[in-house]
Protein backbone atom coordinates (compact mmCIF):
# COMPACT_ATOMS: atom_id res chain seq x y z
CA MET A 1 50.93 5.42 32.14
CA THR A 2 51.43 1.98 30.57
CA ASN A 3 49.83 0.22 33.54
CA GLU A 4 46.89 2.59 33.43
CA LYS A 5 46.43 1.95 29.71
CA GLU A 6 46.55 -1.81 30.24
CA GLN A 7 43.96 -1.57 33.01
CA LEU A 8 41.62 0.46 30.78
CA GLU A 9 42.01 -2.10 27.99
CA ALA A 10 41.33 -4.93 30.43
CA ILE A 11 38.17 -3.20 31.68
CA SER A 12 37.07 -2.64 28.07
CA ASP A 13 37.62 -6.33 27.25
CA ILE A 14 35.66 -7.42 30.32
CA ARG A 15 32.82 -5.10 29.37
CA LYS A 16 32.71 -6.51 25.84
CA MET A 17 32.70 -10.08 27.18
CA MET A 18 29.86 -9.29 29.58
CA GLU A 19 27.84 -7.64 26.81
CA LYS A 20 28.46 -10.59 24.50
CA SER A 21 27.39 -13.09 27.16
CA SER A 22 24.16 -11.18 27.82
CA ARG A 23 23.15 -10.83 24.16
CA PHE A 24 22.22 -13.35 21.52
CA ILE A 25 24.38 -12.31 18.56
CA SER A 26 23.84 -15.23 16.19
CA LEU A 27 20.69 -13.92 14.53
CA SER A 28 21.11 -14.45 10.81
CA GLY A 29 20.46 -11.75 8.26
CA LEU A 30 19.38 -14.42 5.78
CA SER A 31 16.43 -15.28 8.01
CA GLY A 32 15.27 -11.66 7.77
CA ILE A 33 15.57 -11.70 3.98
CA PHE A 34 13.58 -14.92 3.67
CA ALA A 35 10.93 -13.65 6.11
CA GLY A 36 10.54 -10.52 3.99
CA VAL A 37 10.19 -12.51 0.78
CA PHE A 38 7.55 -14.77 2.35
CA ALA A 39 5.63 -11.71 3.60
CA LEU A 40 5.61 -10.11 0.14
CA ILE A 41 4.37 -13.35 -1.42
CA GLY A 42 1.65 -13.57 1.23
CA ALA A 43 0.52 -9.97 0.68
CA ALA A 44 0.44 -10.45 -3.09
CA THR A 45 -1.61 -13.63 -2.65
CA VAL A 46 -4.22 -11.81 -0.55
CA PHE A 47 -4.49 -8.99 -3.08
CA LEU A 48 -4.80 -11.31 -6.09
CA TYR A 49 -7.21 -13.75 -4.43
CA PHE A 50 -9.53 -11.00 -3.14
CA SER A 51 -9.00 -8.39 -5.86
CA GLU A 52 -12.75 -7.73 -6.01
CA TYR A 53 -12.57 -6.26 -2.48
CA PHE A 54 -10.12 -3.59 -3.58
CA TYR A 55 -10.56 -0.57 -5.78
CA PRO A 56 -9.62 -1.08 -9.46
CA ARG A 57 -5.89 -1.16 -10.08
CA TYR A 58 -5.89 2.18 -11.88
CA TYR A 59 -7.31 3.95 -8.81
CA ASN A 60 -5.41 4.55 -5.57
CA MET A 61 -2.80 1.95 -6.58
CA GLY A 62 -5.49 -0.74 -6.34
CA VAL A 63 -4.83 -1.43 -2.69
CA TYR A 64 -7.58 0.43 -0.86
CA LEU A 65 -9.72 -2.13 0.95
CA ARG A 66 -13.47 -1.74 0.37
CA GLU A 67 -14.81 -2.97 3.70
CA ASP A 68 -18.36 -2.13 2.63
CA LEU A 69 -18.09 -4.99 0.11
CA ILE A 70 -17.17 -7.56 2.78
CA HIS A 71 -20.05 -8.95 4.80
CA GLY A 72 -21.70 -12.22 5.78
CA ASP A 73 -20.08 -15.29 4.24
CA ASP A 74 -17.58 -13.09 2.41
CA LEU A 75 -16.31 -11.75 5.74
CA ILE A 76 -15.81 -15.30 7.04
CA LYS A 77 -14.06 -16.31 3.81
CA PHE A 78 -11.85 -13.21 3.85
CA THR A 79 -10.79 -13.49 7.50
CA THR A 80 -10.24 -17.26 7.24
CA PHE A 81 -7.97 -16.79 4.24
CA LEU A 82 -6.07 -14.02 6.04
CA PHE A 83 -5.58 -16.29 9.05
CA ILE A 84 -4.31 -19.21 6.95
CA ASP A 85 -2.10 -16.93 4.87
CA GLY A 86 -0.64 -15.28 7.96
CA ALA A 87 -0.10 -18.62 9.69
CA LEU A 88 1.79 -20.02 6.69
CA ILE A 89 3.99 -16.93 6.50
CA LEU A 90 4.69 -17.18 10.22
CA VAL A 91 5.62 -20.87 10.02
CA LEU A 92 7.90 -20.31 7.02
CA ALA A 93 9.53 -17.26 8.62
CA ILE A 94 10.11 -19.03 11.94
CA GLY A 95 11.41 -22.11 10.13
CA SER A 96 13.93 -20.10 8.12
CA ALA A 97 14.96 -18.16 11.25
CA ILE A 98 15.59 -21.38 13.17
CA PHE A 99 17.54 -22.92 10.30
CA PHE A 100 19.83 -19.98 9.50
CA THR A 101 20.26 -18.84 13.10
CA THR A 102 21.10 -22.35 14.31
CA ARG A 103 23.63 -22.71 11.54
CA ARG A 104 25.26 -19.39 12.44
CA ALA A 105 25.23 -20.17 16.16
CA LYS A 106 27.04 -23.46 15.56
CA LYS A 107 29.56 -21.65 13.38
CA ASN A 108 30.18 -19.13 16.18
CA GLY A 109 30.34 -21.86 18.81
CA GLN A 110 27.36 -20.33 20.61
CA SER A 111 24.53 -22.22 22.28
CA ILE A 112 21.17 -21.86 20.54
CA TRP A 113 19.29 -22.32 23.81
CA ASP A 114 20.43 -20.57 26.97
CA ALA A 115 19.17 -18.04 29.52
CA THR A 116 19.68 -15.14 27.10
CA VAL A 117 17.61 -16.78 24.37
CA LYS A 118 14.85 -17.56 26.89
CA ARG A 119 14.70 -13.91 27.97
CA LEU A 120 14.73 -12.85 24.32
CA LEU A 121 11.76 -15.07 23.46
CA ILE A 122 9.78 -14.03 26.54
CA ASN A 123 10.23 -10.35 25.72
CA ILE A 124 9.07 -10.99 22.15
CA PHE A 125 6.15 -13.21 23.13
CA ILE A 126 4.42 -10.86 25.58
CA PRO A 127 3.79 -7.96 23.12
CA LEU A 128 2.98 -10.40 20.29
CA ALA A 129 0.45 -12.32 22.38
CA THR A 130 -1.12 -9.07 23.55
CA GLY A 131 -1.32 -7.82 19.97
CA GLY A 132 -2.84 -11.09 18.80
CA ILE A 133 -5.62 -10.90 21.39
CA PHE A 134 -6.21 -7.24 20.54
CA CYS A 135 -6.53 -8.11 16.83
CA VAL A 136 -9.07 -10.80 17.64
CA ALA A 137 -11.07 -8.17 19.53
CA LEU A 138 -10.89 -5.87 16.49
CA LEU A 139 -12.12 -8.70 14.29
CA LEU A 140 -15.03 -9.44 16.62
CA HIS A 141 -16.04 -5.78 16.39
CA LYS A 142 -15.54 -5.85 12.60
CA GLN A 143 -12.80 -3.20 12.70
CA ILE A 144 -10.92 -4.89 9.87
CA HIS A 145 -9.16 -1.71 8.76
CA LEU A 146 -7.28 -1.50 12.07
CA ILE A 147 -6.00 -5.09 12.17
CA ALA A 148 -3.03 -4.56 9.83
CA PRO A 149 -1.81 -1.41 11.65
CA ALA A 150 -2.20 -3.18 14.99
CA THR A 151 -0.12 -6.18 13.90
CA ILE A 152 2.64 -3.86 12.68
CA VAL A 153 2.70 -1.73 15.86
CA PHE A 154 2.69 -4.67 18.27
CA TYR A 155 5.36 -6.45 16.24
CA GLY A 156 7.50 -3.32 16.44
CA LEU A 157 6.96 -3.16 20.20
CA ALA A 158 8.00 -6.82 20.48
CA LEU A 159 11.24 -6.16 18.60
CA LEU A 160 11.95 -3.06 20.65
CA ASN A 161 11.25 -4.95 23.86
CA ALA A 162 13.62 -7.78 22.89
CA SER A 163 16.38 -5.62 21.40
CA LYS A 164 18.27 -5.38 24.69
CA TYR A 165 18.97 -9.12 24.47
CA THR A 166 20.28 -9.16 20.91
CA LEU A 167 21.88 -6.96 18.25
CA ASN A 168 21.22 -3.21 18.40
CA GLU A 169 19.93 -3.17 14.83
CA ILE A 170 16.78 -4.93 16.05
CA LYS A 171 15.90 -1.78 18.00
CA TYR A 172 15.92 0.35 14.87
CA LEU A 173 13.87 -2.21 12.99
CA GLY A 174 11.34 -2.17 15.81
CA ILE A 175 11.13 1.63 15.81
CA SER A 176 10.66 1.63 12.04
CA GLU A 177 7.84 -0.91 12.35
CA ILE A 178 6.09 1.19 15.00
CA ILE A 179 6.28 4.33 12.86
CA ILE A 180 4.87 2.56 9.80
CA GLY A 181 2.12 0.98 11.91
CA LEU A 182 1.08 4.38 13.28
CA ILE A 183 1.02 5.86 9.77
CA ALA A 184 -1.08 2.89 8.62
CA SER A 185 -3.55 3.55 11.44
CA ILE A 186 -4.14 7.02 9.97
CA PHE A 187 -4.39 6.00 6.31
CA VAL A 188 -6.84 3.18 6.96
CA GLY A 189 -7.75 0.99 4.02
CA TYR A 190 -4.16 0.82 2.83
CA GLY A 191 -3.23 -1.74 5.46
CA LEU A 192 -2.12 -4.34 2.92
CA ILE A 193 0.50 -2.13 1.31
CA PHE A 194 1.79 -0.93 4.69
CA TRP A 195 1.86 -4.56 5.86
CA ALA A 196 3.91 -5.49 2.78
CA ILE A 197 6.33 -2.62 3.44
CA SER A 198 6.80 -3.38 7.13
CA PHE A 199 6.97 -7.18 7.09
CA GLY A 200 8.32 -7.50 3.56
CA VAL A 201 10.53 -4.63 2.46
CA LEU A 202 11.87 -3.68 5.90
CA HIS A 203 12.82 -7.28 6.68
CA ILE A 204 14.66 -7.64 3.39
CA VAL A 205 16.53 -4.36 3.93
CA TYR A 206 17.32 -5.24 7.56
CA GLY A 207 18.38 -8.77 6.68
CA SER A 208 20.64 -7.56 3.88
CA ILE A 209 22.34 -5.03 6.16
CA MET A 210 22.86 -7.65 8.87
CA TYR A 211 24.19 -10.20 6.39
CA PHE A 212 26.78 -7.91 4.80
CA LYS A 213 27.74 -6.36 8.14
CA TYR A 214 28.16 -9.50 10.25
CA GLU A 215 28.17 -12.56 8.00
CA LYS A 216 29.74 -11.70 4.67
C-alpha cells in the first residue's frame, strides 16, 4: 500500500511539473489592474472630448452614441481620435504587462521568452489580428456602432484561445469578455460603456484576484 501511494504521488508530481513547464504562470495581476485603469481613463477621455455626439447626461446615462450626428470631417476626427486613444491605451497596457510580468518571472526564476510564451503570443495574435481587420471593414462601411462589440468579442476569443498556455483564470476572463461583447452587439449605441466595463472593470477585478491569489 505504501509503495502504491508513493507511486501515485510521484505521478502527481510529474503531472504538475509537466503542466508547469507547458504554461506561462508568471503573468502579473498588477498588469491587469493597470490595463483596466488605462482603459477607463481612455473611455472617459473619449466621452468628455466628444460629449456632443452623445445624448445629454440626464438621458440614458449620457452614453448612447448618436451616429446620425457624426459625418464628413466629424467622422474622420472621431475615428482618428479613437485610433490614437486606443493605440495609447494599448501601448501603456502592454508596457505595464511587460514590466510587471518580467519582474515576476525573474522572481520565480522563469524565462520570459521560451517556446510556451511564443505559443501564447501566437494564439493571442491570430484572433486579435482578425478582429482588427474586421473592425477596419466595419469602419469602411460606417458601421461604427458594431466596432466596440467586435473588439470586445475578438479580444475575448484571443484570451480563450491562449488560456491553455497560461493560468486558467484567463479562460474565465475571456468568456466574460465574449458575453459582454455579445450583449453590446444587441444594445448598440452603448458600446463605450460596455467597452469600459470589459477592458476597464473586468481587468481590474481579474488583476486584483490574480494579485491576491498568486502574488500577495
